[in-house]
Amino acid sequence: MRPMSGRAAVVTGAGRGIGYAIAERLVADGASVVVVDIAAERIRAAADRLETGAGRSGAVFPVAADCSIRADVERSIEACLERFGRLDVFVANAGIGETVPFLDTSDELWDRTMAINLRGVFLGIQAAGRTMRERGGGRIVATASTNAFWMETELTAYDASKAGVVGLVRTAAMELAPHGITVNAVGPGMIATDLTRDTVEDPERSAIYLRQIPAGRFGTPADVAGAVAFLVSADAAWITGHVLVVDGGQTLGTPQP
């Protein structure tokens, strides 16, 4: 029996990148998954690919939703309950990031980043937590970042939002633990996705990053998905409020030049 057989999950930002990989891993482990993304066509295509890859018809259900809107978040959870009859796992993964110098960061960029990266996680944890409390427990995982504690210039709004995610996860973990709900986060470092392509595929920029990563390579979405799979597994039943860093050692220290 696969470790997630009989369980149901919701994954936001699952149309591509890390979110897609998380959904792919959960489906491979036996879960039924509601995949959520703001882009309707993208999430429908992602759901089709996930089902084809897993060879399990009906195991994936797409929902086009904006994670920064409470009604959309609640609709995603309702879809999971209606489609699969339960909610065991909620992964708040949706996020954005834009490189802009601190003094040029606009109110609009700040507000949009906070709405998706922080408000969206708050709404997801709260809505999932309420449902899981009624049903005897569950697992919640949020995607933070090494940028929560190891800042990069020109990412002011992103850095602040991810630091907020860590504070939110730790607080929610304390309050939800008595209800049998664990709340944890993953902290990815430089992961090769569409959003990081400009860095990963640029010889000069990528060389600078790789000199800082003891493992000698960029991470993959599957690396992060493996960490999430652990945090929602039976082996992590007594782990809550933790940030599992997935960065190949990048934030351990500063290499000698």
C-alpha atoms as a PDB file:
ATOM      1  CA  MET A   1       0.000   0.000   0.000  1.00  0.00           C
ATOM      2  CA  ARG A   2       1.289   3.451  -0.880  1.00  0.00           C
ATOM      3  CA  PRO A   3       1.815   5.816   2.075  1.00  0.00           C
ATOM      4  CA  MET A   4      -0.916   8.277   1.060  1.00  0.00           C
ATOM      5  CA  SER A   5      -3.548   5.774  -0.070  1.00  0.00           C
ATOM      6  CA  GLY A   6      -7.027   6.810   0.997  1.00  0.00           C
ATOM      7  CA  ARG A   7      -5.997  10.373   1.844  1.00  0.00           C
ATOM      8  CA  ALA A   8      -6.996  13.613   0.137  1.00  0.00           C
ATOM      9  CA  ALA A   9      -5.005  16.805  -0.312  1.00  0.00           C
ATOM     10  CA  VAL A  10      -5.265  20.344  -1.647  1.00  0.00           C
ATOM     11  CA  VAL A  11      -2.182  21.959  -3.214  1.00  0.00           C
ATOM     12  CA  THR A  12      -2.202  25.624  -4.240  1.00  0.00           C
ATOM     13  CA  GLY A  13       0.022  27.023  -6.974  1.00  0.00           C
ATOM     14  CA  ALA A  14       0.040  23.548  -8.510  1.00  0.00           C
ATOM     15  CA  GLY A  15      -0.037  24.568 -12.150  1.00  0.00           C
ATOM     16  CA  ARG A  16       3.730  24.437 -12.520  1.00  0.00           C
ATOM     17  CA  GLY A  17       7.070  24.313 -10.726  1.00  0.00           C
ATOM     18  CA  ILE A  18       7.246  23.334  -7.076  1.00  0.00           C
ATOM     19  CA  GLY A  19       3.479  23.103  -6.635  1.00  0.00           C
ATOM     20  CA  TYR A  20       3.134  20.755  -9.580  1.00  0.00           C
ATOM     21  CA  ALA A  21       5.939  18.560  -8.257  1.00  0.00           C
ATOM     22  CA  ILE A  22       4.308  18.410  -4.817  1.00  0.00           C
ATOM     23  CA  ALA A  23       0.999  17.340  -6.340  1.00  0.00           C
ATOM     24  CA  GLU A  24       2.804  14.813  -8.532  1.00  0.00           C
ATOM     25  CA  ARG A  25       4.516  13.268  -5.507  1.00  0.00           C
ATOM     26  CA  LEU A  26       1.327  13.096  -3.451  1.00  0.00           C
ATOM     27  CA  VAL A  27      -0.555  11.447  -6.313  1.00  0.00           C
ATOM     28  CA  ALA A  28       2.309   8.980  -6.820  1.00  0.00           C
ATOM     29  CA  ASP A  29       2.138   8.175  -3.111  1.00  0.00           C
ATOM     30  CA  GLY A  30      -1.546   7.307  -3.459  1.00  0.00           C
ATOM     31  CA  ALA A  31      -3.387  10.496  -2.508  1.00  0.00           C
ATOM     32  CA  SER A  32      -6.315  12.068  -4.284  1.00  0.00           C
ATOM     33  CA  VAL A  33      -5.458  15.710  -4.913  1.00  0.00           C
ATOM     34  CA  VAL A  34      -7.281  18.947  -5.660  1.00  0.00           C
ATOM     35  CA  VAL A  35      -4.815  21.090  -7.595  1.00  0.00           C
ATOM     36  CA  VAL A  36      -5.318  24.846  -7.470  1.00  0.00           C
ATOM     37  CA  ASP A  37      -3.939  27.637  -9.623  1.00  0.00           C
ATOM     38  CA  ILE A  38      -5.094  31.107 -10.621  1.00  0.00           C
ATOM     39  CA  ALA A  39      -4.772  30.234 -14.338  1.00  0.00           C
ATOM     40  CA  ALA A  40      -7.707  28.041 -15.393  1.00  0.00           C
ATOM     41  CA  GLU A  41      -6.205  26.564 -18.553  1.00  0.00           C
ATOM     42  CA  ARG A  42      -2.871  25.875 -16.866  1.00  0.00           C
ATOM     43  CA  ILE A  43      -4.406  23.994 -13.955  1.00  0.00           C
ATOM     44  CA  ARG A  44      -6.671  21.917 -16.182  1.00  0.00           C
ATOM     45  CA  ALA A  45      -3.672  20.907 -18.291  1.00  0.00           C
ATOM     46  CA  ALA A  46      -1.651  20.143 -15.152  1.00  0.00           C
ATOM     47  CA  ALA A  47      -4.426  17.920 -13.790  1.00  0.00           C
ATOM     48  CA  ASP A  48      -4.572  15.987 -17.074  1.00  0.00           C
ATOM     49  CA  ARG A  49      -0.801  15.426 -17.028  1.00  0.00           C
ATOM     50  CA  LEU A  50      -0.872  14.317 -13.397  1.00  0.00           C
ATOM     51  CA  GLU A  51      -3.617  11.781 -13.992  1.00  0.00           C
ATOM     52  CA  THR A  52      -1.941  10.454 -17.121  1.00  0.00           C
ATOM     53  CA  GLY A  53       1.388  10.118 -15.340  1.00  0.00           C
ATOM     54  CA  ALA A  54      -0.134   8.353 -12.351  1.00  0.00           C
ATOM     55  CA  GLY A  55      -2.439   6.149 -14.395  1.00  0.00           C
ATOM     56  CA  ARG A  56      -5.248   6.834 -11.917  1.00  0.00           C
ATOM     57  CA  SER A  57      -8.379   8.296 -13.464  1.00  0.00           C
ATOM     58  CA  GLY A  58     -10.293  10.582 -11.120  1.00  0.00           C
ATOM     59  CA  ALA A  59      -7.395  11.041  -8.695  1.00  0.00           C
ATOM     60  CA  VAL A  60      -6.840  14.725  -9.552  1.00  0.00           C
ATOM     61  CA  PHE A  61      -9.387  17.539  -9.656  1.00  0.00           C
ATOM     62  CA  PRO A  62      -8.479  21.043 -10.898  1.00  0.00           C
ATOM     63  CA  VAL A  63      -9.807  24.265  -9.360  1.00  0.00           C
ATOM     64  CA  ALA A  64      -9.078  27.716 -10.783  1.00  0.00           C
ATOM     65  CA  ALA A  65      -8.868  30.014  -7.773  1.00  0.00           C
ATOM     66  CA  ASP A  66      -7.053  33.021  -6.314  1.00  0.00           C
ATOM     67  CA  CYS A  67      -5.441  32.040  -3.009  1.00  0.00           C
ATOM     68  CA  SER A  68      -5.620  35.628  -1.744  1.00  0.00           C
ATOM     69  CA  ILE A  69      -9.437  35.572  -1.805  1.00  0.00           C
ATOM     70  CA  ARG A  70     -11.114  33.830   1.134  1.00  0.00           C
ATOM     71  CA  ALA A  71     -14.098  32.585  -0.888  1.00  0.00           C
ATOM     72  CA  ASP A  72     -11.756  30.987  -3.439  1.00  0.00           C
ATOM     73  CA  VAL A  73      -9.716  29.239  -0.762  1.00  0.00           C
ATOM     74  CA  GLU A  74     -12.849  27.895   0.914  1.00  0.00           C
ATOM     75  CA  ARG A  75     -14.183  26.791  -2.476  1.00  0.00           C
ATOM     76  CA  SER A  76     -11.005  24.771  -3.047  1.00  0.00           C
ATOM     77  CA  ILE A  77     -11.435  22.963   0.259  1.00  0.00           C
ATOM     78  CA  GLU A  78     -15.130  22.383  -0.409  1.00  0.00           C
ATOM     79  CA  ALA A  79     -14.191  20.863  -3.762  1.00  0.00           C
ATOM     80  CA  CYS A  80     -11.917  18.399  -1.988  1.00  0.00           C
ATOM     81  CA  LEU A  81     -14.644  17.426   0.479  1.00  0.00           C
ATOM     82  CA  GLU A  82     -17.243  17.041  -2.255  1.00  0.00           C
ATOM     83  CA  ARG A  83     -14.984  15.180  -4.675  1.00  0.00           C
ATOM     84  CA  PHE A  84     -13.046  12.959  -2.272  1.00  0.00           C
ATOM     85  CA  GLY A  85     -15.049  13.089   0.939  1.00  0.00           C
ATOM     86  CA  ARG A  86     -12.233  14.244   3.186  1.00  0.00           C
ATOM     87  CA  LEU A  87      -9.318  16.659   3.696  1.00  0.00           C
ATOM     88  CA  ASP A  88      -6.132  15.252   5.193  1.00  0.00           C
ATOM     89  CA  VAL A  89      -3.437  17.527   3.756  1.00  0.00           C
ATOM     90  CA  PHE A  90      -3.335  21.171   2.749  1.00  0.00           C
ATOM     91  CA  VAL A  91      -0.243  22.612   1.041  1.00  0.00           C
ATOM     92  CA  ALA A  92      -0.147  26.417   0.814  1.00  0.00           C
ATOM     93  CA  ASN A  93       2.395  26.763  -1.961  1.00  0.00           C
ATOM     94  CA  ALA A  94       1.219  29.584  -4.252  1.00  0.00           C
ATOM     95  CA  GLY A  95       3.631  32.504  -4.350  1.00  0.00           C
ATOM     96  CA  ILE A  96       5.216  35.206  -6.466  1.00  0.00           C
ATOM     97  CA  GLY A  97       8.495  37.115  -6.451  1.00  0.00           C
ATOM     98  CA  GLU A  98       9.798  40.090  -8.408  1.00  0.00           C
ATOM     99  CA  THR A  99      13.286  41.591  -8.348  1.00  0.00           C
ATOM    100  CA  VAL A 100      13.133  45.342  -7.714  1.00  0.00           C
ATOM    101  CA  PRO A 101      15.545  47.601  -5.772  1.00  0.00           C
ATOM    102  CA  PHE A 102      14.311  48.522  -2.296  1.00  0.00           C
ATOM    103  CA  LEU A 103      13.922  52.241  -3.055  1.00  0.00           C
ATOM    104  CA  ASP A 104      11.948  51.458  -6.214  1.00  0.00           C
ATOM    105  CA  THR A 105       9.555  48.946  -4.628  1.00  0.00           C
ATOM    106  CA  SER A 106       6.039  50.208  -5.291  1.00  0.00           C
ATOM    107  CA  ASP A 107       3.008  50.007  -3.058  1.00  0.00           C
ATOM    108  CA  GLU A 108       1.341  47.865  -5.703  1.00  0.00           C
ATOM    109  CA  LEU A 109       4.173  45.323  -5.764  1.00  0.00           C
ATOM    110  CA  TRP A 110       4.306  45.210  -1.965  1.00  0.00           C
ATOM    111  CA  ASP A 111       0.549  44.720  -1.628  1.00  0.00           C
ATOM    112  CA  ARG A 112       0.331  42.101  -4.380  1.00  0.00           C
ATOM    113  CA  THR A 113       3.228  40.098  -2.950  1.00  0.00           C
ATOM    114  CA  MET A 114       1.796  40.186   0.570  1.00  0.00           C
ATOM    115  CA  ALA A 115      -1.664  39.276  -0.693  1.00  0.00           C
ATOM    116  CA  ILE A 116      -0.471  36.101  -2.402  1.00  0.00           C
ATOM    117  CA  ASN A 117       2.565  35.049  -0.359  1.00  0.00           C
ATOM    118  CA  LEU A 118       1.317  35.874   3.130  1.00  0.00           C
ATOM    119  CA  ARG A 119      -2.426  36.533   3.140  1.00  0.00           C
ATOM    120  CA  GLY A 120      -2.904  33.495   0.906  1.00  0.00           C
ATOM    121  CA  VAL A 121      -1.044  31.268   3.361  1.00  0.00           C
ATOM    122  CA  PHE A 122      -3.002  32.721   6.293  1.00  0.00           C
ATOM    123  CA  LEU A 123      -6.326  32.076   4.564  1.00  0.00           C
ATOM    124  CA  GLY A 124      -5.282  28.562   3.580  1.00  0.00           C
ATOM    125  CA  ILE A 125      -4.041  27.525   7.010  1.00  0.00           C
ATOM    126  CA  GLN A 126      -7.102  29.003   8.698  1.00  0.00           C
ATOM    127  CA  ALA A 127      -9.656  27.444   6.348  1.00  0.00           C
ATOM    128  CA  ALA A 128      -7.923  24.071   6.323  1.00  0.00           C
ATOM    129  CA  GLY A 129      -7.432  24.217  10.079  1.00  0.00           C
ATOM    130  CA  ARG A 130     -11.133  24.806  10.692  1.00  0.00           C
ATOM    131  CA  THR A 131     -12.080  21.861   8.505  1.00  0.00           C
ATOM    132  CA  MET A 132      -9.439  19.568  10.001  1.00  0.00           C
ATOM    133  CA  ARG A 133     -10.453  20.496  13.543  1.00  0.00           C
ATOM    134  CA  GLU A 134     -13.961  19.252  12.811  1.00  0.00           C
ATOM    135  CA  ARG A 135     -12.598  16.028  11.319  1.00  0.00           C
ATOM    136  CA  GLY A 136     -10.054  15.081  13.970  1.00  0.00           C
ATOM    137  CA  GLY A 137      -6.754  16.365  12.564  1.00  0.00           C
ATOM    138  CA  GLY A 138      -4.602  16.742   9.499  1.00  0.00           C
ATOM    139  CA  ARG A 139      -1.359  18.027   8.033  1.00  0.00           C
ATOM    140  CA  ILE A 140      -0.664  21.531   6.768  1.00  0.00           C
ATOM    141  CA  VAL A 141       2.518  22.582   4.972  1.00  0.00           C
ATOM    142  CA  ALA A 142       3.394  26.053   3.685  1.00  0.00           C
ATOM    143  CA  THR A 143       6.108  26.933   1.213  1.00  0.00           C
ATOM    144  CA  ALA A 144       8.390  29.502   2.828  1.00  0.00           C
ATOM    145  CA  SER A 145      11.932  30.112   1.540  1.00  0.00           C
ATOM    146  CA  THR A 146      15.503  30.469   2.687  1.00  0.00           C
ATOM    147  CA  ASN A 147      14.717  34.147   2.031  1.00  0.00           C
ATOM    148  CA  ALA A 148      12.779  34.072   5.297  1.00  0.00           C
ATOM    149  CA  PHE A 149      16.092  34.312   7.167  1.00  0.00           C
ATOM    150  CA  TRP A 150      18.849  34.651   4.526  1.00  0.00           C
ATOM    151  CA  MET A 151      17.922  37.767   2.624  1.00  0.00           C
ATOM    152  CA  GLU A 152      18.719  38.792  -0.922  1.00  0.00           C
ATOM    153  CA  THR A 153      18.868  42.356  -2.172  1.00  0.00           C
ATOM    154  CA  GLU A 154      16.157  43.639  -4.498  1.00  0.00           C
ATOM    155  CA  LEU A 155      13.619  41.174  -3.082  1.00  0.00           C
ATOM    156  CA  THR A 156      12.239  43.299  -0.256  1.00  0.00           C
ATOM    157  CA  ALA A 157       8.587  42.320  -0.526  1.00  0.00           C
ATOM    158  CA  TYR A 158       9.377  38.658  -1.174  1.00  0.00           C
ATOM    159  CA  ASP A 159      11.833  38.420   1.731  1.00  0.00           C
ATOM    160  CA  ALA A 160       9.401  40.062   4.128  1.00  0.00           C
ATOM    161  CA  SER A 161       6.493  37.897   3.004  1.00  0.00           C
ATOM    162  CA  LYS A 162       8.427  34.659   3.467  1.00  0.00           C
ATOM    163  CA  ALA A 163       9.643  35.732   6.912  1.00  0.00           C
ATOM    164  CA  GLY A 164       5.986  36.327   7.703  1.00  0.00           C
ATOM    165  CA  VAL A 165       5.111  32.814   6.542  1.00  0.00           C
ATOM    166  CA  VAL A 166       7.539  31.338   9.079  1.00  0.00           C
ATOM    167  CA  GLY A 167       6.028  33.384  11.908  1.00  0.00           C
ATOM    168  CA  LEU A 168       2.542  32.419  10.812  1.00  0.00           C
ATOM    169  CA  VAL A 169       3.393  28.713  10.609  1.00  0.00           C
ATOM    170  CA  ARG A 170       4.937  28.649  14.069  1.00  0.00           C
ATOM    171  CA  THR A 171       2.021  30.465  15.670  1.00  0.00           C
ATOM    172  CA  ALA A 172      -0.592  28.319  13.928  1.00  0.00           C
ATOM    173  CA  ALA A 173       1.337  25.178  14.901  1.00  0.00           C
ATOM    174  CA  MET A 174       0.988  26.009  18.588  1.00  0.00           C
ATOM    175  CA  GLU A 175      -2.719  26.740  18.363  1.00  0.00           C
ATOM    176  CA  LEU A 176      -3.685  23.814  16.130  1.00  0.00           C
ATOM    177  CA  ALA A 177      -1.605  21.078  17.778  1.00  0.00           C
ATOM    178  CA  PRO A 178      -4.285  20.311  20.406  1.00  0.00           C
ATOM    179  CA  HIS A 179      -6.648  19.508  17.520  1.00  0.00           C
ATOM    180  CA  GLY A 180      -4.311  16.901  16.018  1.00  0.00           C
ATOM    181  CA  ILE A 181      -3.119  19.222  13.258  1.00  0.00           C
ATOM    182  CA  THR A 182       0.543  19.708  12.413  1.00  0.00           C
ATOM    183  CA  VAL A 183       1.651  22.900  10.666  1.00  0.00           C
ATOM    184  CA  ASN A 184       5.098  22.994   9.090  1.00  0.00           C
ATOM    185  CA  ALA A 185       6.945  24.737   6.282  1.00  0.00           C
ATOM    186  CA  VAL A 186       9.531  23.915   3.671  1.00  0.00           C
ATOM    187  CA  GLY A 187      12.238  26.475   2.967  1.00  0.00           C
ATOM    188  CA  PRO A 188      13.518  26.026  -0.581  1.00  0.00           C
ATOM    189  CA  GLY A 189      16.747  27.618  -1.694  1.00  0.00           C
ATOM    190  CA  MET A 190      17.514  28.193  -5.378  1.00  0.00           C
ATOM    191  CA  ILE A 191      15.236  25.745  -7.187  1.00  0.00           C
ATOM    192  CA  ALA A 192      15.320  25.443 -10.977  1.00  0.00           C
ATOM    193  CA  THR A 193      11.830  26.488 -12.136  1.00  0.00           C
ATOM    194  CA  ASP A 194      10.278  28.810 -14.697  1.00  0.00           C
ATOM    195  CA  LEU A 195      10.499  31.626 -12.153  1.00  0.00           C
ATOM    196  CA  THR A 196      14.264  31.235 -11.677  1.00  0.00           C
ATOM    197  CA  ARG A 197      15.184  30.475 -15.292  1.00  0.00           C
ATOM    198  CA  ASP A 198      16.892  33.846 -15.813  1.00  0.00           C
ATOM    199  CA  THR A 199      19.379  32.970 -13.067  1.00  0.00           C
ATOM    200  CA  VAL A 200      19.729  29.230 -13.564  1.00  0.00           C
ATOM    201  CA  GLU A 201      20.325  29.453 -17.316  1.00  0.00           C
ATOM    202  CA  ASP A 202      22.641  32.486 -17.229  1.00  0.00           C
ATOM    203  CA  PRO A 203      26.278  31.251 -17.090  1.00  0.00           C
ATOM    204  CA  GLU A 204      27.600  34.206 -15.090  1.00  0.00           C
ATOM    205  CA  ARG A 205      24.742  34.480 -12.595  1.00  0.00           C
ATOM    206  CA  SER A 206      24.422  30.744 -12.105  1.00  0.00           C
ATOM    207  CA  ALA A 207      28.150  30.414 -11.425  1.00  0.00           C
ATOM    208  CA  ILE A 208      27.865  32.961  -8.592  1.00  0.00           C
ATOM    209  CA  TYR A 209      25.036  30.998  -7.001  1.00  0.00           C
ATOM    210  CA  LEU A 210      26.644  27.595  -7.464  1.00  0.00           C
ATOM    211  CA  ARG A 211      29.785  28.749  -5.645  1.00  0.00           C
ATOM    212  CA  GLN A 212      27.553  29.248  -2.598  1.00  0.00           C
ATOM    213  CA  ILE A 213      25.892  25.808  -2.741  1.00  0.00           C
ATOM    214  CA  PRO A 214      28.027  23.027  -1.212  1.00  0.00           C
ATOM    215  CA  ALA A 215      25.968  20.364  -3.004  1.00  0.00           C
ATOM    216  CA  GLY A 216      27.163  21.856  -6.294  1.00  0.00           C
ATOM    217  CA  ARG A 217      23.836  22.005  -8.105  1.00  0.00           C
ATOM    218  CA  PHE A 218      20.544  23.852  -8.146  1.00  0.00           C
ATOM    219  CA  GLY A 219      17.606  22.165  -6.470  1.00  0.00           C
ATOM    220  CA  THR A 220      14.718  20.628  -8.376  1.00  0.00           C
ATOM    221  CA  PRO A 221      11.012  20.853  -7.633  1.00  0.00           C
ATOM    222  CA  ALA A 222      11.155  17.137  -6.819  1.00  0.00           C
ATOM    223  CA  ASP A 223      13.643  17.885  -4.019  1.00  0.00           C
ATOM    224  CA  VAL A 224      11.064  20.121  -2.357  1.00  0.00           C
ATOM    225  CA  ALA A 225       8.247  17.663  -3.024  1.00  0.00           C
ATOM    226  CA  GLY A 226      10.194  14.981  -1.174  1.00  0.00           C
ATOM    227  CA  ALA A 227      10.447  17.224   1.879  1.00  0.00           C
ATOM    228  CA  VAL A 228       6.702  17.890   1.784  1.00  0.00           C
ATOM    229  CA  ALA A 229       6.011  14.161   1.431  1.00  0.00           C
ATOM    230  CA  PHE A 230       7.974  13.573   4.645  1.00  0.00           C
ATOM    231  CA  LEU A 231       6.177  16.317   6.571  1.00  0.00           C
ATOM    232  CA  VAL A 232       2.758  14.861   5.712  1.00  0.00           C
ATOM    233  CA  SER A 233       3.831  11.273   6.380  1.00  0.00           C
ATOM    234  CA  ALA A 234       3.287   9.142   9.464  1.00  0.00           C
ATOM    235  CA  ASP A 235       6.990   9.555  10.288  1.00  0.00           C
ATOM    236  CA  ALA A 236       6.418  13.283  10.933  1.00  0.00           C
ATOM    237  CA  ALA A 237       3.457  12.860  13.278  1.00  0.00           C
ATOM    238  CA  TRP A 238       5.254  14.593  16.181  1.00  0.00           C
ATOM    239  CA  ILE A 239       6.859  17.380  14.152  1.00  0.00           C
ATOM    240  CA  THR A 240       5.111  20.743  14.074  1.00  0.00           C
ATOM    241  CA  GLY A 241       6.163  24.370  13.736  1.00  0.00           C
ATOM    242  CA  HIS A 242       9.299  23.297  11.868  1.00  0.00           C
ATOM    243  CA  VAL A 243      10.879  24.831   8.760  1.00  0.00           C
ATOM    244  CA  LEU A 244      12.576  22.114   6.732  1.00  0.00           C
ATOM    245  CA  VAL A 245      15.272  23.853   4.677  1.00  0.00           C
ATOM    246  CA  VAL A 246      15.904  22.399   1.216  1.00  0.00           C
ATOM    247  CA  ASP A 247      18.899  24.292  -0.159  1.00  0.00           C
ATOM    248  CA  GLY A 248      21.847  21.966  -0.761  1.00  0.00           C
ATOM    249  CA  GLY A 249      23.666  23.635   2.141  1.00  0.00           C
ATOM    250  CA  GLN A 250      23.580  27.150   0.678  1.00  0.00           C
ATOM    251  CA  THR A 251      22.642  28.910   3.927  1.00  0.00           C
ATOM    252  CA  LEU A 252      25.077  27.031   6.167  1.00  0.00           C
ATOM    253  CA  GLY A 253      27.747  29.686   5.877  1.00  0.00           C
ATOM    254  CA  THR A 254      30.012  31.661   3.576  1.00  0.00           C
ATOM    255  CA  PRO A 255      32.565  29.707   1.508  1.00  0.00           C
ATOM    256  CA  GLN A 256      36.136  31.013   1.461  1.00  0.00           C
ATOM    257  CA  PRO A 257      36.904  32.791  -1.833  1.00  0.00           C
END
